[in-house]
Amino acid sequence: MAEAGDGAEIGGGAGGESLPSPQEMARRALRMLEQLVAGSTLTEVAAGEGLTPRRARELVAQIVAQRGFDP
């Protein structure tokens, strides 16, 4: 049976996950844009990247604002 202090990692801990490096973030941004240009929906791209559609939309907006977009 679990002891009272055994649940310390549940809810709010780092979880062992580190933040992505700038290089990883740039690669993900490029992948996302390539998928969108190829005709994938934002929901499909989000699922492929392990993101919520809302977070994917935020990232795409940020990428477009930084890089500009020329349709």
N, C-alpha and C. Protein backbone atom coordinates (compact mmCIF):
# COMPACT_ATOMS: atom_id res chain seq x y z
N MET A 1 0.83 -1.18 0.00
CA MET A 1 0.00 0.00 0.00
C MET A 1 0.87 1.24 0.00
N ALA A 2 0.38 2.32 -0.58
CA ALA A 2 1.16 3.56 -0.69
C ALA A 2 1.20 4.29 0.63
N GLU A 3 2.31 4.89 0.88
CA GLU A 3 2.48 5.72 2.07
C GLU A 3 1.99 7.12 1.76
N ALA A 4 1.77 7.92 2.77
CA ALA A 4 1.23 9.26 2.61
C ALA A 4 2.13 10.16 1.77
N GLY A 5 3.43 10.02 1.83
CA GLY A 5 4.34 10.88 1.09
C GLY A 5 4.72 10.36 -0.27
N ASP A 6 4.18 9.22 -0.70
CA ASP A 6 4.59 8.62 -1.96
C ASP A 6 4.03 9.32 -3.20
N GLY A 7 3.03 10.14 -3.09
CA GLY A 7 2.42 10.77 -4.26
C GLY A 7 3.00 12.13 -4.58
N ALA A 8 4.22 12.39 -4.18
CA ALA A 8 4.80 13.72 -4.36
C ALA A 8 4.93 14.10 -5.82
N GLU A 9 5.12 13.11 -6.73
CA GLU A 9 5.32 13.47 -8.13
C GLU A 9 4.02 13.72 -8.88
N ILE A 10 2.90 13.46 -8.27
CA ILE A 10 1.63 13.63 -8.96
C ILE A 10 1.21 15.10 -8.90
N GLY A 11 0.91 15.65 -10.09
CA GLY A 11 0.36 17.00 -10.17
C GLY A 11 1.30 18.11 -9.79
N GLY A 12 2.04 18.62 -10.74
CA GLY A 12 2.83 19.81 -10.50
C GLY A 12 4.32 19.57 -10.45
N GLY A 13 4.75 18.34 -10.51
CA GLY A 13 6.18 18.08 -10.55
C GLY A 13 6.71 18.27 -11.95
N ALA A 14 8.02 18.28 -12.08
CA ALA A 14 8.63 18.46 -13.40
C ALA A 14 8.34 17.26 -14.29
N GLY A 15 8.15 16.09 -13.71
CA GLY A 15 7.81 14.92 -14.50
C GLY A 15 8.96 14.39 -15.32
N GLY A 16 10.15 14.88 -15.13
CA GLY A 16 11.30 14.40 -15.87
C GLY A 16 11.37 14.93 -17.29
N GLU A 17 10.43 15.76 -17.69
CA GLU A 17 10.44 16.30 -19.03
C GLU A 17 11.20 17.62 -19.04
N SER A 18 12.10 17.76 -20.00
CA SER A 18 12.83 19.02 -20.12
C SER A 18 12.22 19.85 -21.24
N LEU A 19 12.44 21.14 -21.19
CA LEU A 19 11.96 22.02 -22.24
C LEU A 19 12.75 21.75 -23.51
N PRO A 20 12.08 21.87 -24.67
CA PRO A 20 12.79 21.64 -25.92
C PRO A 20 13.83 22.73 -26.17
N SER A 21 14.92 22.34 -26.80
CA SER A 21 15.97 23.31 -27.13
C SER A 21 15.48 24.20 -28.27
N PRO A 22 16.13 25.32 -28.47
CA PRO A 22 15.73 26.20 -29.59
C PRO A 22 15.80 25.47 -30.94
N GLN A 23 16.77 24.59 -31.11
CA GLN A 23 16.87 23.83 -32.36
C GLN A 23 15.68 22.90 -32.53
N GLU A 24 15.28 22.24 -31.46
CA GLU A 24 14.11 21.35 -31.53
C GLU A 24 12.84 22.14 -31.82
N MET A 25 12.72 23.31 -31.21
CA MET A 25 11.55 24.15 -31.46
C MET A 25 11.51 24.62 -32.91
N ALA A 26 12.66 24.97 -33.47
CA ALA A 26 12.72 25.41 -34.87
C ALA A 26 12.36 24.27 -35.81
N ARG A 27 12.85 23.06 -35.50
CA ARG A 27 12.51 21.89 -36.34
C ARG A 27 11.01 21.60 -36.28
N ARG A 28 10.42 21.70 -35.08
CA ARG A 28 8.99 21.46 -34.94
C ARG A 28 8.20 22.51 -35.71
N ALA A 29 8.62 23.76 -35.62
CA ALA A 29 7.94 24.84 -36.34
C ALA A 29 7.97 24.58 -37.84
N LEU A 30 9.11 24.18 -38.35
CA LEU A 30 9.24 23.90 -39.79
C LEU A 30 8.35 22.72 -40.18
N ARG A 31 8.36 21.66 -39.37
CA ARG A 31 7.49 20.50 -39.64
C ARG A 31 6.02 20.91 -39.68
N MET A 32 5.63 21.71 -38.70
CA MET A 32 4.23 22.14 -38.64
C MET A 32 3.84 22.95 -39.87
N LEU A 33 4.68 23.89 -40.26
CA LEU A 33 4.37 24.71 -41.43
C LEU A 33 4.34 23.87 -42.71
N GLU A 34 5.28 22.94 -42.84
CA GLU A 34 5.30 22.06 -44.01
C GLU A 34 4.02 21.24 -44.11
N GLN A 35 3.56 20.73 -42.97
CA GLN A 35 2.34 19.93 -42.97
C GLN A 35 1.13 20.78 -43.33
N LEU A 36 1.08 22.01 -42.82
CA LEU A 36 -0.04 22.90 -43.13
C LEU A 36 -0.04 23.27 -44.61
N VAL A 37 1.13 23.56 -45.16
CA VAL A 37 1.23 23.91 -46.58
C VAL A 37 0.84 22.72 -47.45
N ALA A 38 1.14 21.51 -46.98
CA ALA A 38 0.81 20.30 -47.73
C ALA A 38 -0.67 19.95 -47.67
N GLY A 39 -1.44 20.67 -46.83
CA GLY A 39 -2.87 20.47 -46.80
C GLY A 39 -3.42 19.82 -45.55
N SER A 40 -2.58 19.53 -44.58
CA SER A 40 -3.07 18.96 -43.32
C SER A 40 -3.84 20.02 -42.55
N THR A 41 -4.80 19.58 -41.76
CA THR A 41 -5.52 20.52 -40.91
C THR A 41 -4.70 20.80 -39.66
N LEU A 42 -5.03 21.88 -39.00
CA LEU A 42 -4.33 22.22 -37.76
C LEU A 42 -4.54 21.14 -36.71
N THR A 43 -5.72 20.54 -36.68
CA THR A 43 -6.00 19.47 -35.73
C THR A 43 -5.11 18.26 -35.99
N GLU A 44 -4.91 17.92 -37.26
CA GLU A 44 -4.03 16.80 -37.62
C GLU A 44 -2.58 17.09 -37.23
N VAL A 45 -2.15 18.30 -37.50
CA VAL A 45 -0.78 18.70 -37.16
C VAL A 45 -0.58 18.65 -35.65
N ALA A 46 -1.55 19.17 -34.91
CA ALA A 46 -1.46 19.17 -33.45
C ALA A 46 -1.36 17.75 -32.91
N ALA A 47 -2.19 16.86 -33.42
CA ALA A 47 -2.16 15.47 -32.96
C ALA A 47 -0.81 14.83 -33.27
N GLY A 48 -0.27 15.10 -34.43
CA GLY A 48 1.03 14.54 -34.80
C GLY A 48 2.17 15.05 -33.95
N GLU A 49 2.05 16.24 -33.43
CA GLU A 49 3.09 16.84 -32.61
C GLU A 49 2.84 16.65 -31.12
N GLY A 50 1.71 16.04 -30.77
CA GLY A 50 1.40 15.83 -29.36
C GLY A 50 0.96 17.10 -28.65
N LEU A 51 0.31 17.99 -29.39
CA LEU A 51 -0.15 19.27 -28.86
C LEU A 51 -1.67 19.34 -28.89
N THR A 52 -2.23 20.22 -28.10
CA THR A 52 -3.65 20.50 -28.24
C THR A 52 -3.83 21.41 -29.45
N PRO A 53 -5.00 21.37 -30.07
CA PRO A 53 -5.22 22.28 -31.21
C PRO A 53 -5.03 23.74 -30.83
N ARG A 54 -5.41 24.10 -29.61
CA ARG A 54 -5.23 25.49 -29.17
C ARG A 54 -3.76 25.86 -29.12
N ARG A 55 -2.92 25.00 -28.55
CA ARG A 55 -1.49 25.28 -28.45
C ARG A 55 -0.85 25.32 -29.84
N ALA A 56 -1.28 24.41 -30.73
CA ALA A 56 -0.75 24.42 -32.09
C ALA A 56 -1.10 25.72 -32.79
N ARG A 57 -2.32 26.20 -32.59
CA ARG A 57 -2.75 27.47 -33.19
C ARG A 57 -1.92 28.63 -32.66
N GLU A 58 -1.62 28.60 -31.35
CA GLU A 58 -0.79 29.65 -30.76
C GLU A 58 0.62 29.63 -31.35
N LEU A 59 1.18 28.43 -31.50
CA LEU A 59 2.53 28.31 -32.06
C LEU A 59 2.58 28.78 -33.51
N VAL A 60 1.59 28.39 -34.29
CA VAL A 60 1.56 28.81 -35.70
C VAL A 60 1.44 30.32 -35.79
N ALA A 61 0.60 30.92 -34.97
CA ALA A 61 0.45 32.38 -34.97
C ALA A 61 1.78 33.05 -34.61
N GLN A 62 2.47 32.49 -33.64
CA GLN A 62 3.76 33.03 -33.23
C GLN A 62 4.79 32.90 -34.35
N ILE A 63 4.82 31.76 -35.01
CA ILE A 63 5.78 31.52 -36.10
C ILE A 63 5.52 32.50 -37.24
N VAL A 64 4.26 32.65 -37.61
CA VAL A 64 3.91 33.55 -38.72
C VAL A 64 4.24 34.99 -38.36
N ALA A 65 4.01 35.37 -37.12
CA ALA A 65 4.32 36.73 -36.70
C ALA A 65 5.82 36.99 -36.75
N GLN A 66 6.62 35.98 -36.39
CA GLN A 66 8.07 36.15 -36.39
C GLN A 66 8.66 36.12 -37.79
N ARG A 67 8.19 35.20 -38.61
CA ARG A 67 8.79 34.99 -39.92
C ARG A 67 8.08 35.71 -41.05
N GLY A 68 6.85 36.08 -40.79
CA GLY A 68 6.04 36.64 -41.87
C GLY A 68 5.49 35.52 -42.72
N PHE A 69 4.54 35.83 -43.56
CA PHE A 69 3.92 34.81 -44.39
C PHE A 69 3.60 35.41 -45.73
N ASP A 70 4.00 34.72 -46.78
CA ASP A 70 3.75 35.19 -48.14
C ASP A 70 2.97 34.10 -48.88
N PRO A 71 1.65 34.25 -48.93
CA PRO A 71 0.84 33.21 -49.58
C PRO A 71 1.10 33.21 -51.02
